[in-house]
Amino acid sequence: MITKKMFWEDPYLTETVAIVTSVDGDIITLNRTIVFAFSGGQQSDSGTIAGQEIVKAEKKDTEIHYTMPQNHGIAVGDEVVVKIDWDKRYRLMKLHFAAELVLELVYQDYNRPEKIGANINSDKARVDFFWNGNISEIFPALESKIKTMVDSDLPISSDYIDSVSERRYWEIAGFAKVDCGGTHLRKTGEIGRLSLKRNNIGKGKERIEIYLMQE
């Protein structure tokens, strides 16, 4: 049985009830979940299952394995309450989509340079490129376009490209449609204000670091 990924249907859901479908030592699976596991550079959610902290969330093909504390006492067939750390999830959603906007704008405006890395955690996001020169030179134009998109509070849609393989996309009408299996905001206005920082990570390699600014 494939776990139902409720974090795609409603990424704003913070609690649900699930049935335990397998237990292998400290690793369990559920029939449905709201706890996102690391994928596409986006950090895993933090949360609890049956009141116990999730040690690790790991994606295995279309299944998600949750590592629980030793002697967790959870059994197959148990009905359990699943909760996420909403503050962390919401920061991840904001930073994830901020990184998506940065990447897409760089692709569209600067001849699609090669992306060589990306990571999103609850403190910052980053996108790495092969780049000739100092990438911070494009920051004023990049920040201006992102601010316009945030201020415009544009709707963001997401759905399956292929439900069997669980390939998904996000889309902003008139801007872009992009393959992505992360958790997405409803509107660009939720991102708020951002700051960008340049980091040279090697010859011909430039990193854009993205931070949320306190309102």
Protein backbone atom coordinates (compact mmCIF):
# COMPACT_ATOMS: atom_id res chain seq x y z
CA MET A 1 0.00 0.00 0.00
CA ILE A 2 1.32 3.43 -0.98
CA THR A 3 1.09 6.06 1.74
CA LYS A 4 -1.41 8.82 0.93
CA LYS A 5 0.60 12.06 0.85
CA MET A 6 -1.74 14.56 2.46
CA PHE A 7 0.97 17.22 2.51
CA TRP A 8 0.30 17.58 -1.23
CA GLU A 9 -3.48 17.71 -0.96
CA ASP A 10 -3.37 20.24 1.88
CA PRO A 11 0.11 21.46 2.90
CA TYR A 12 -1.52 23.61 5.61
CA LEU A 13 -2.82 20.55 7.51
CA THR A 14 -0.98 20.20 10.83
CA GLU A 15 -2.60 17.10 12.34
CA THR A 16 -4.24 13.90 11.11
CA VAL A 17 -5.10 10.37 12.20
CA ALA A 18 -3.44 7.44 10.42
CA ILE A 19 -3.22 3.66 10.57
CA VAL A 20 0.17 1.96 10.98
CA THR A 21 0.70 -0.31 7.96
CA SER A 22 4.10 -1.83 8.81
CA VAL A 23 6.62 -1.99 11.63
CA ASP A 24 10.22 -3.14 11.13
CA GLY A 25 12.11 -2.45 14.34
CA ASP A 26 12.27 1.32 14.70
CA ILE A 27 10.91 1.98 11.19
CA ILE A 28 7.18 2.32 10.57
CA THR A 29 4.92 3.21 7.65
CA LEU A 30 1.46 4.76 7.63
CA ASN A 31 -1.58 4.61 5.36
CA ARG A 32 -1.62 8.43 5.23
CA THR A 33 0.73 11.15 6.35
CA ILE A 34 1.28 14.89 6.60
CA VAL A 35 5.01 14.58 7.41
CA PHE A 36 7.12 15.46 4.36
CA ALA A 37 10.35 13.48 3.92
CA PHE A 38 13.52 15.03 2.46
CA SER A 39 13.17 15.31 -1.31
CA GLY A 40 14.32 17.65 -4.05
CA GLY A 41 16.56 19.50 -1.61
CA GLN A 42 13.71 20.31 0.80
CA GLN A 43 14.37 19.37 4.41
CA SER A 44 12.09 16.87 6.15
CA ASP A 45 9.36 18.08 8.47
CA SER A 46 9.68 17.63 12.20
CA GLY A 47 6.77 16.10 14.06
CA THR A 48 5.35 13.33 16.17
CA ILE A 49 3.56 10.03 15.65
CA ALA A 50 1.55 8.73 18.61
CA GLY A 51 3.06 11.49 20.71
CA GLN A 52 6.65 10.40 19.99
CA GLU A 53 9.21 12.48 18.11
CA ILE A 54 10.02 11.29 14.60
CA VAL A 55 13.77 10.59 14.48
CA LYS A 56 13.98 10.49 10.68
CA ALA A 57 11.66 10.69 7.68
CA GLU A 58 13.00 9.03 4.55
CA LYS A 59 11.50 8.69 1.08
CA LYS A 60 11.78 5.20 -0.43
CA ASP A 61 10.42 5.28 -4.00
CA THR A 62 6.73 6.17 -3.43
CA GLU A 63 6.78 5.10 0.23
CA ILE A 64 7.86 7.07 3.31
CA HIS A 65 9.69 5.37 6.17
CA TYR A 66 9.60 6.95 9.61
CA THR A 67 12.28 6.06 12.13
CA MET A 68 10.88 6.21 15.66
CA PRO A 69 12.60 6.07 19.06
CA GLN A 70 13.65 2.66 20.35
CA ASN A 71 10.95 0.80 22.27
CA HIS A 72 8.27 2.96 20.66
CA GLY A 73 5.59 0.35 21.27
CA ILE A 74 3.75 1.10 18.02
CA ALA A 75 2.16 -1.90 16.31
CA VAL A 76 0.67 -2.66 12.89
CA GLY A 77 -2.99 -1.65 12.82
CA ASP A 78 -2.65 1.01 15.51
CA GLU A 79 -4.57 4.23 14.96
CA VAL A 80 -2.13 7.07 15.66
CA VAL A 81 -2.23 10.84 15.72
CA VAL A 82 0.33 12.46 13.40
CA LYS A 83 1.40 16.08 14.00
CA ILE A 84 3.93 18.39 12.37
CA ASP A 85 5.90 21.38 13.65
CA TRP A 86 3.89 24.01 11.76
CA ASP A 87 6.29 26.91 12.29
CA LYS A 88 9.09 24.89 10.69
CA ARG A 89 6.84 23.66 7.84
CA TYR A 90 5.65 27.16 7.00
CA ARG A 91 9.20 28.55 6.92
CA LEU A 92 10.19 25.67 4.66
CA MET A 93 7.26 26.39 2.35
CA LYS A 94 8.18 30.08 2.12
CA LEU A 95 11.88 29.44 1.54
CA HIS A 96 11.18 26.63 -0.88
CA PHE A 97 9.00 28.77 -3.09
CA ALA A 98 11.37 31.73 -2.80
CA ALA A 99 14.09 29.42 -4.15
CA GLU A 100 11.76 28.30 -6.93
CA LEU A 101 11.19 31.94 -7.96
CA VAL A 102 14.91 32.72 -7.83
CA LEU A 103 15.74 29.70 -9.97
CA GLU A 104 13.03 30.34 -12.54
CA LEU A 105 13.86 34.05 -12.88
CA VAL A 106 17.57 33.27 -13.33
CA TYR A 107 16.66 30.67 -15.96
CA GLN A 108 14.33 33.03 -17.82
CA ASP A 109 16.46 36.18 -17.68
CA TYR A 110 20.02 34.86 -17.86
CA ASN A 111 20.06 32.19 -20.55
CA ARG A 112 19.31 29.23 -18.30
CA PRO A 113 22.68 28.66 -16.57
CA GLU A 114 23.32 25.16 -15.22
CA LYS A 115 22.04 24.57 -11.70
CA ILE A 116 24.53 22.46 -9.75
CA GLY A 117 22.85 22.26 -6.35
CA ALA A 118 20.02 23.40 -4.11
CA ASN A 119 18.94 23.00 -0.51
CA ILE A 120 16.07 24.29 1.60
CA ASN A 121 16.06 24.19 5.38
CA SER A 122 14.12 26.22 7.91
CA ASP A 123 16.88 28.85 8.23
CA LYS A 124 17.70 29.57 4.60
CA ALA A 125 17.53 28.28 1.05
CA ARG A 126 20.28 28.16 -1.52
CA VAL A 127 20.61 27.62 -5.25
CA ASP A 128 24.01 26.98 -6.87
CA PHE A 129 25.00 27.67 -10.48
CA PHE A 130 27.89 27.43 -12.87
CA TRP A 131 28.31 31.16 -13.44
CA ASN A 132 30.87 33.42 -15.07
CA GLY A 133 31.49 36.38 -12.77
CA ASN A 134 29.93 37.67 -9.56
CA ILE A 135 26.29 36.59 -9.37
CA SER A 136 25.43 39.36 -6.91
CA GLU A 137 25.50 41.79 -9.84
CA ILE A 138 22.05 40.51 -10.82
CA PHE A 139 20.59 40.81 -7.31
CA PRO A 140 18.98 44.27 -7.73
CA ALA A 141 17.00 43.13 -10.79
CA LEU A 142 16.21 39.76 -9.19
CA GLU A 143 15.03 41.32 -5.93
CA SER A 144 12.88 43.84 -7.78
CA LYS A 145 11.10 41.14 -9.80
CA ILE A 146 10.57 38.94 -6.76
CA LYS A 147 9.16 41.88 -4.79
CA THR A 148 6.71 42.59 -7.63
CA MET A 149 5.57 38.96 -7.65
CA VAL A 150 5.19 38.88 -3.87
CA ASP A 151 3.31 42.19 -3.81
CA SER A 152 1.03 40.94 -6.60
CA ASP A 153 0.02 37.98 -4.38
CA LEU A 154 -0.27 35.67 -7.37
CA PRO A 155 -2.09 32.32 -6.99
CA ILE A 156 0.10 29.20 -7.05
CA SER A 157 -1.44 25.95 -8.25
CA SER A 158 0.05 22.46 -7.95
CA ASP A 159 -1.06 19.01 -9.04
CA TYR A 160 0.10 15.70 -10.48
CA ILE A 161 1.84 15.34 -13.81
CA ASP A 162 1.61 11.58 -13.30
CA SER A 163 -0.21 10.24 -10.23
CA VAL A 164 1.24 6.72 -10.55
CA SER A 165 4.87 7.86 -10.36
CA GLU A 166 3.84 10.76 -8.07
CA ARG A 167 5.42 13.41 -10.31
CA ARG A 168 4.03 16.84 -9.53
CA TYR A 169 4.32 20.46 -10.66
CA TRP A 170 3.66 24.00 -9.51
CA GLU A 171 2.34 26.74 -11.77
CA ILE A 172 1.87 30.49 -11.79
CA ALA A 173 -0.24 31.38 -14.81
CA GLY A 174 1.67 33.44 -17.32
CA PHE A 175 4.99 32.93 -15.52
CA ALA A 176 6.01 29.27 -15.35
CA LYS A 177 4.98 25.65 -14.92
CA VAL A 178 7.70 23.62 -13.19
CA ASP A 179 8.13 19.98 -12.16
CA CYS A 180 8.39 19.88 -8.37
CA GLY A 181 7.30 17.55 -5.58
CA GLY A 182 7.66 19.89 -2.62
CA THR A 183 5.05 21.54 -0.42
CA HIS A 184 3.77 24.78 -1.93
CA LEU A 185 2.15 27.99 -0.80
CA ARG A 186 -1.25 29.09 -2.07
CA LYS A 187 -0.09 32.59 -3.04
CA THR A 188 3.20 34.40 -3.63
CA GLY A 189 2.30 37.08 -1.08
CA GLU A 190 2.88 34.59 1.74
CA ILE A 191 6.63 34.64 1.08
CA GLY A 192 7.06 38.13 2.50
CA ARG A 193 10.32 40.04 2.28
CA LEU A 194 13.55 38.30 1.33
CA SER A 195 17.25 39.03 1.38
CA LEU A 196 19.79 37.50 -1.01
CA LYS A 197 23.44 36.82 -0.27
CA ARG A 198 26.20 35.75 -2.63
CA ASN A 199 28.66 32.97 -1.81
CA ASN A 200 31.46 31.98 -4.16
CA ILE A 201 31.83 28.21 -3.73
CA GLY A 202 34.62 27.61 -6.24
CA LYS A 203 35.96 28.73 -9.58
CA GLY A 204 33.01 29.39 -11.85
CA LYS A 205 30.56 28.33 -9.15
CA GLU A 206 28.23 30.82 -7.50
CA ARG A 207 25.65 30.36 -4.75
CA ILE A 208 22.57 32.47 -4.05
CA GLU A 209 21.54 32.22 -0.41
CA ILE A 210 17.96 33.23 0.42
CA TYR A 211 16.76 34.43 3.81
CA LEU A 212 13.36 35.45 5.13
CA MET A 213 13.34 38.95 6.61
CA GLN A 214 11.48 39.58 9.85
CA GLU A 215 8.38 41.69 9.33
